């Protein structure tokens, strides 16, 4: 079975995430319609369910919460830290139409200005 991947958009977006035990934050460095990669030296284990709250620049009016699941992690490797970014890949789960529209907006923003 082949899984088609959605195109990733490079962006810098702060994300607060909650694994049910604690709140943490990190920088999302790329994102697609189906997930994102958060740069962190303390990635969660694959299979962990998380609640993501992207901190959208210039939008103080609403809070976007997205549920996801950690699919892979890249441990910090002192010997190869320039070759591989430590962090975790998270797949979005159970998206509503409103959440899909918000993600599409973030992707559009990232296409026009990756630092936004």
Protein backbone atom coordinates (compact mmCIF):
# COMPACT_ATOMS: atom_id res chain seq x y z
CA UNK A 1 0.00 0.00 0.00
CA UNK A 2 1.40 3.39 -1.00
CA UNK A 3 0.69 6.46 1.08
CA UNK A 4 0.67 9.71 -0.87
CA UNK A 5 2.30 12.58 0.95
CA UNK A 6 0.94 16.09 0.84
CA UNK A 7 3.43 18.82 -0.07
CA UNK A 8 5.19 20.34 2.92
CA UNK A 9 5.48 24.08 3.25
CA UNK A 10 8.49 25.49 5.10
CA UNK A 11 7.44 27.90 7.83
CA UNK A 12 8.32 29.06 11.31
CA UNK A 13 5.37 28.86 13.66
CA UNK A 14 5.40 28.52 17.43
CA UNK A 15 3.18 25.67 18.64
CA UNK A 16 2.08 24.86 22.17
CA UNK A 17 1.29 21.17 22.59
CA UNK A 18 -0.25 19.14 25.38
CA UNK A 19 0.24 15.39 25.79
CA UNK A 20 -2.19 15.13 28.71
CA UNK A 21 0.59 15.29 31.29
CA UNK A 22 2.19 18.66 30.53
CA UNK A 23 2.27 21.62 28.18
CA UNK A 24 5.34 22.17 26.01
CA UNK A 25 6.19 24.40 23.08
CA UNK A 26 8.37 24.28 20.02
CA UNK A 27 8.76 25.64 16.52
CA UNK A 28 6.94 24.00 13.65
CA UNK A 29 9.42 24.11 10.80
CA UNK A 30 7.24 22.60 8.10
CA UNK A 31 3.57 21.79 7.67
CA UNK A 32 1.20 20.11 5.23
CA UNK A 33 -2.55 19.53 5.08
CA UNK A 34 -2.05 16.37 7.13
CA UNK A 35 0.58 17.22 9.72
CA UNK A 36 3.64 19.14 10.84
CA UNK A 37 7.15 18.73 12.19
CA UNK A 38 8.01 20.34 15.53
CA UNK A 39 11.66 21.04 16.28
CA UNK A 40 12.47 19.97 19.85
CA UNK A 41 15.29 18.19 21.68
CA UNK A 42 12.68 16.32 23.75
CA UNK A 43 10.38 14.63 21.20
CA UNK A 44 7.46 12.55 22.43
CA UNK A 45 7.17 8.86 21.69
CA UNK A 46 5.45 7.72 18.48
CA UNK A 47 1.80 6.91 19.18
CA UNK A 48 1.40 9.73 21.71
CA UNK A 49 -1.78 11.77 21.24
CA UNK A 50 -1.27 15.52 21.49
CA UNK A 51 -3.42 18.64 21.37
CA UNK A 52 -1.73 21.31 19.25
CA UNK A 53 -2.30 25.04 19.57
CA UNK A 54 -0.46 27.02 16.89
CA UNK A 55 0.33 30.59 17.93
CA UNK A 56 -0.80 32.44 14.82
CA UNK A 57 1.04 35.75 14.34
CA UNK A 58 -1.27 38.75 14.25
CA UNK A 59 -4.37 36.77 15.28
CA UNK A 60 -5.20 37.30 18.95
CA UNK A 61 -8.91 36.75 18.41
CA UNK A 62 -9.13 32.97 18.13
CA UNK A 63 -7.45 29.84 19.40
CA UNK A 64 -6.97 26.97 17.00
CA UNK A 65 -6.76 23.55 18.65
CA UNK A 66 -5.90 20.49 16.58
CA UNK A 67 -5.60 16.92 17.76
CA UNK A 68 -2.70 14.89 16.43
CA UNK A 69 -0.61 11.80 16.92
CA UNK A 70 3.17 11.57 16.99
CA UNK A 71 4.18 9.42 14.03
CA UNK A 72 7.96 9.64 14.24
CA UNK A 73 10.66 11.20 16.32
CA UNK A 74 14.20 12.28 15.56
CA UNK A 75 16.37 12.24 18.66
CA UNK A 76 19.00 14.90 19.24
CA UNK A 77 22.30 13.43 18.09
CA UNK A 78 25.36 15.35 19.27
CA UNK A 79 27.53 13.78 16.57
CA UNK A 80 25.12 14.59 13.71
CA UNK A 81 23.24 17.65 14.96
CA UNK A 82 23.98 19.58 11.75
CA UNK A 83 22.63 16.81 9.53
CA UNK A 84 19.35 16.05 11.26
CA UNK A 85 16.92 18.35 13.03
CA UNK A 86 15.72 16.86 16.33
CA UNK A 87 11.96 16.81 16.77
CA UNK A 88 8.80 14.94 15.96
CA UNK A 89 6.45 14.48 13.04
CA UNK A 90 2.80 14.78 14.02
CA UNK A 91 -0.19 13.70 11.91
CA UNK A 92 -3.43 15.63 12.38
CA UNK A 93 -6.41 13.51 13.41
CA UNK A 94 -10.19 14.15 13.25
CA UNK A 95 -10.08 17.55 11.55
CA UNK A 96 -13.26 19.59 11.25
CA UNK A 97 -14.00 21.76 8.22
CA UNK A 98 -13.13 24.85 10.26
CA UNK A 99 -9.77 23.38 11.28
CA UNK A 100 -9.01 22.39 7.67
CA UNK A 101 -9.75 25.96 6.56
CA UNK A 102 -7.49 27.38 9.29
CA UNK A 103 -4.67 25.00 8.26
CA UNK A 104 -5.13 26.01 4.61
CA UNK A 105 -4.78 29.65 5.72
CA UNK A 106 -1.56 28.89 7.59
CA UNK A 107 -0.18 27.04 4.57
CA UNK A 108 -1.06 29.95 2.29
CA UNK A 109 0.66 32.33 4.68
CA UNK A 110 3.72 30.05 4.72
CA UNK A 111 3.83 29.94 0.90
CA UNK A 112 3.96 33.72 0.71
CA UNK A 113 6.23 34.31 3.75
CA UNK A 114 7.95 31.29 5.38
CA UNK A 115 8.97 33.39 8.40
CA UNK A 116 5.33 34.33 9.18
